[in-house]
Amino acid sequence: MTPNLAIVWYLVVAGPQGGLTTMPDFFDTRDECKAAIAEYQKEPAPPGWSINCLPSASPYSDEGDDDSSGTDDGSAE
């Protein structure tokens, strides 16, 4: 059986000092997300703030790769 890949889109807001946050709701399509950005841009944003649409997962990810080598095990060095 072929696995299905469902991607949802999140609005990500970046602050002027490097902080990032995602909005709590998601969009089913990139077009819906872009429409939300267009609505947001009707009001001028403070300098340094930006907003983008990001997918929940990369369509290019390797779903079968379980290799955990090189991952952080949480231990302090």
N, C-alpha and C. Protein backbone atom coordinates (compact mmCIF):
# COMPACT_ATOMS: atom_id res chain seq x y z
N MET A 1 0.84 -1.16 0.00
CA MET A 1 0.00 0.00 0.00
C MET A 1 0.89 1.25 0.00
N THR A 2 0.53 2.22 -0.79
CA THR A 2 1.28 3.46 -0.87
C THR A 2 0.81 4.42 0.22
N PRO A 3 1.72 4.96 1.03
CA PRO A 3 1.31 5.90 2.08
C PRO A 3 0.85 7.22 1.46
N ASN A 4 -0.14 7.82 2.07
CA ASN A 4 -0.61 9.12 1.64
C ASN A 4 0.13 10.20 2.42
N LEU A 5 0.44 11.28 1.76
CA LEU A 5 1.12 12.40 2.41
C LEU A 5 0.20 13.60 2.39
N ALA A 6 -0.17 14.07 3.55
CA ALA A 6 -1.02 15.25 3.65
C ALA A 6 -0.18 16.39 4.20
N ILE A 7 -0.16 17.46 3.47
CA ILE A 7 0.60 18.64 3.89
C ILE A 7 -0.40 19.73 4.25
N VAL A 8 -0.21 20.32 5.40
CA VAL A 8 -0.97 21.50 5.77
C VAL A 8 0.02 22.66 5.85
N TRP A 9 -0.50 23.86 5.72
CA TRP A 9 0.34 25.06 5.68
C TRP A 9 0.11 25.90 6.92
N TYR A 10 1.21 26.39 7.50
CA TYR A 10 1.15 27.23 8.69
C TYR A 10 1.69 28.61 8.38
N LEU A 11 1.09 29.62 9.01
CA LEU A 11 1.65 30.97 8.95
C LEU A 11 2.73 31.06 10.01
N VAL A 12 3.89 31.49 9.62
CA VAL A 12 5.01 31.65 10.54
C VAL A 12 5.37 33.13 10.58
N VAL A 13 5.42 33.68 11.77
CA VAL A 13 5.74 35.09 11.96
C VAL A 13 7.13 35.19 12.56
N ALA A 14 7.97 36.01 11.94
CA ALA A 14 9.34 36.23 12.42
C ALA A 14 9.45 37.65 12.96
N GLY A 15 10.01 37.76 14.15
CA GLY A 15 10.20 39.06 14.78
C GLY A 15 11.54 39.67 14.43
N PRO A 16 11.70 40.95 14.72
CA PRO A 16 12.93 41.66 14.36
C PRO A 16 14.17 41.19 15.13
N GLN A 17 13.99 40.49 16.24
CA GLN A 17 15.14 40.03 17.01
C GLN A 17 15.37 38.53 16.88
N GLY A 18 14.79 37.93 15.84
CA GLY A 18 15.05 36.53 15.55
C GLY A 18 14.04 35.54 16.06
N GLY A 19 13.03 35.97 16.78
CA GLY A 19 12.03 35.04 17.29
C GLY A 19 11.08 34.58 16.19
N LEU A 20 10.61 33.35 16.32
CA LEU A 20 9.64 32.78 15.38
C LEU A 20 8.46 32.23 16.14
N THR A 21 7.29 32.32 15.54
CA THR A 21 6.11 31.68 16.10
C THR A 21 5.20 31.25 14.96
N THR A 22 4.44 30.20 15.18
CA THR A 22 3.45 29.79 14.20
C THR A 22 2.07 30.14 14.73
N MET A 23 1.19 30.48 13.84
CA MET A 23 -0.18 30.75 14.22
C MET A 23 -0.85 29.42 14.55
N PRO A 24 -1.83 29.42 15.46
CA PRO A 24 -2.42 28.15 15.92
C PRO A 24 -3.25 27.42 14.87
N ASP A 25 -3.77 28.12 13.89
CA ASP A 25 -4.57 27.48 12.85
C ASP A 25 -3.70 27.14 11.65
N PHE A 26 -4.18 26.23 10.81
CA PHE A 26 -3.45 25.86 9.61
C PHE A 26 -4.37 26.00 8.40
N PHE A 27 -3.77 25.93 7.23
CA PHE A 27 -4.50 26.04 5.96
C PHE A 27 -4.30 24.76 5.17
N ASP A 28 -5.33 24.36 4.45
CA ASP A 28 -5.26 23.13 3.66
C ASP A 28 -4.45 23.30 2.38
N THR A 29 -4.40 24.52 1.85
CA THR A 29 -3.66 24.75 0.61
C THR A 29 -2.75 25.96 0.77
N ARG A 30 -1.74 26.01 -0.07
CA ARG A 30 -0.82 27.15 -0.04
C ARG A 30 -1.55 28.42 -0.46
N ASP A 31 -2.51 28.30 -1.39
CA ASP A 31 -3.27 29.47 -1.84
C ASP A 31 -4.06 30.11 -0.70
N GLU A 32 -4.65 29.28 0.17
CA GLU A 32 -5.37 29.81 1.33
C GLU A 32 -4.42 30.56 2.25
N CYS A 33 -3.24 30.01 2.44
CA CYS A 33 -2.24 30.65 3.30
C CYS A 33 -1.79 31.98 2.71
N LYS A 34 -1.53 31.99 1.40
CA LYS A 34 -1.12 33.23 0.73
C LYS A 34 -2.22 34.29 0.80
N ALA A 35 -3.49 33.87 0.73
CA ALA A 35 -4.60 34.81 0.86
C ALA A 35 -4.61 35.45 2.25
N ALA A 36 -4.29 34.66 3.27
CA ALA A 36 -4.21 35.20 4.63
C ALA A 36 -3.08 36.22 4.74
N ILE A 37 -1.97 35.95 4.08
CA ILE A 37 -0.86 36.91 4.09
C ILE A 37 -1.27 38.20 3.40
N ALA A 38 -1.98 38.08 2.27
CA ALA A 38 -2.44 39.28 1.55
C ALA A 38 -3.35 40.12 2.44
N GLU A 39 -4.21 39.45 3.22
CA GLU A 39 -5.09 40.17 4.14
C GLU A 39 -4.28 40.85 5.25
N TYR A 40 -3.28 40.14 5.77
CA TYR A 40 -2.41 40.69 6.81
C TYR A 40 -1.65 41.93 6.31
N GLN A 41 -1.24 41.90 5.06
CA GLN A 41 -0.43 42.98 4.51
C GLN A 41 -1.24 44.23 4.18
N LYS A 42 -2.55 44.19 4.34
CA LYS A 42 -3.37 45.38 4.12
C LYS A 42 -3.08 46.44 5.18
N GLU A 43 -2.66 46.00 6.35
CA GLU A 43 -2.25 46.91 7.42
C GLU A 43 -0.73 46.89 7.48
N PRO A 44 -0.09 48.05 7.59
CA PRO A 44 1.37 48.07 7.65
C PRO A 44 1.89 47.37 8.91
N ALA A 45 2.88 46.51 8.71
CA ALA A 45 3.49 45.80 9.83
C ALA A 45 4.62 46.65 10.42
N PRO A 46 4.90 46.47 11.70
CA PRO A 46 6.04 47.18 12.29
C PRO A 46 7.33 46.76 11.57
N PRO A 47 8.31 47.65 11.53
CA PRO A 47 9.58 47.32 10.86
C PRO A 47 10.22 46.06 11.45
N GLY A 48 10.74 45.22 10.59
CA GLY A 48 11.46 44.03 11.02
C GLY A 48 10.61 42.78 11.14
N TRP A 49 9.31 42.89 11.06
CA TRP A 49 8.43 41.73 11.17
C TRP A 49 8.14 41.18 9.80
N SER A 50 8.07 39.86 9.69
CA SER A 50 7.73 39.24 8.41
C SER A 50 6.84 38.04 8.66
N ILE A 51 6.14 37.62 7.61
CA ILE A 51 5.23 36.48 7.71
C ILE A 51 5.38 35.64 6.45
N ASN A 52 5.38 34.32 6.63
CA ASN A 52 5.55 33.39 5.51
C ASN A 52 4.66 32.18 5.71
N CYS A 53 4.44 31.44 4.62
CA CYS A 53 3.73 30.17 4.67
C CYS A 53 4.75 29.04 4.61
N LEU A 54 4.65 28.12 5.55
CA LEU A 54 5.54 26.96 5.56
C LEU A 54 4.72 25.68 5.62
N PRO A 55 5.14 24.66 4.87
CA PRO A 55 4.41 23.39 4.92
C PRO A 55 4.72 22.63 6.20
N SER A 56 3.81 21.74 6.57
CA SER A 56 3.99 20.95 7.78
C SER A 56 5.10 19.91 7.62
N ALA A 57 5.33 19.46 6.39
CA ALA A 57 6.36 18.46 6.11
C ALA A 57 6.86 18.67 4.70
N SER A 58 8.06 18.30 4.47
CA SER A 58 8.61 18.39 3.13
C SER A 58 8.10 17.23 2.29
N PRO A 59 7.63 17.51 1.08
CA PRO A 59 7.21 16.41 0.21
C PRO A 59 8.40 15.58 -0.24
N TYR A 60 9.59 16.03 0.06
CA TYR A 60 10.81 15.33 -0.34
C TYR A 60 11.42 14.53 0.80
N SER A 61 10.72 14.46 1.95
CA SER A 61 11.28 13.73 3.09
C SER A 61 11.29 12.24 2.79
N ASP A 62 12.20 11.53 3.42
CA ASP A 62 12.31 10.09 3.26
C ASP A 62 11.56 9.44 4.41
N GLU A 63 10.32 9.04 4.15
CA GLU A 63 9.48 8.49 5.21
C GLU A 63 9.99 7.17 5.76
N GLY A 64 10.77 6.42 4.98
CA GLY A 64 11.22 5.12 5.43
C GLY A 64 12.53 5.15 6.17
N ASP A 65 13.17 6.29 6.27
CA ASP A 65 14.49 6.39 6.89
C ASP A 65 14.34 6.46 8.41
N ASP A 66 14.75 5.40 9.09
CA ASP A 66 14.67 5.35 10.55
C ASP A 66 16.05 5.52 11.18
N ASP A 67 17.05 5.89 10.41
CA ASP A 67 18.42 6.01 10.90
C ASP A 67 18.49 7.13 11.93
N SER A 68 18.83 6.77 13.17
CA SER A 68 18.91 7.78 14.22
C SER A 68 20.35 8.14 14.56
N SER A 69 21.29 7.71 13.73
CA SER A 69 22.69 8.04 14.01
C SER A 69 22.88 9.54 13.82
N GLY A 70 23.66 10.11 14.70
CA GLY A 70 23.94 11.54 14.62
C GLY A 70 22.90 12.40 15.29
N THR A 71 21.89 11.79 15.90
CA THR A 71 20.90 12.60 16.60
C THR A 71 21.36 12.84 18.02
N ASP A 72 20.89 13.90 18.59
CA ASP A 72 21.25 14.28 19.95
C ASP A 72 20.54 13.36 20.92
N ASP A 73 21.28 12.72 21.80
CA ASP A 73 20.67 11.84 22.78
C ASP A 73 20.28 12.55 24.07
N GLY A 74 20.48 13.86 24.12
CA GLY A 74 20.08 14.64 25.28
C GLY A 74 21.14 14.71 26.37
N SER A 75 22.25 14.01 26.22
CA SER A 75 23.27 14.03 27.26
C SER A 75 24.13 15.27 27.11
N ALA A 76 24.55 15.81 28.23
CA ALA A 76 25.43 16.97 28.23
C ALA A 76 26.87 16.52 28.00
N GLU A 77 27.60 17.33 27.31
CA GLU A 77 29.00 16.98 27.05
C GLU A 77 29.91 17.71 27.98
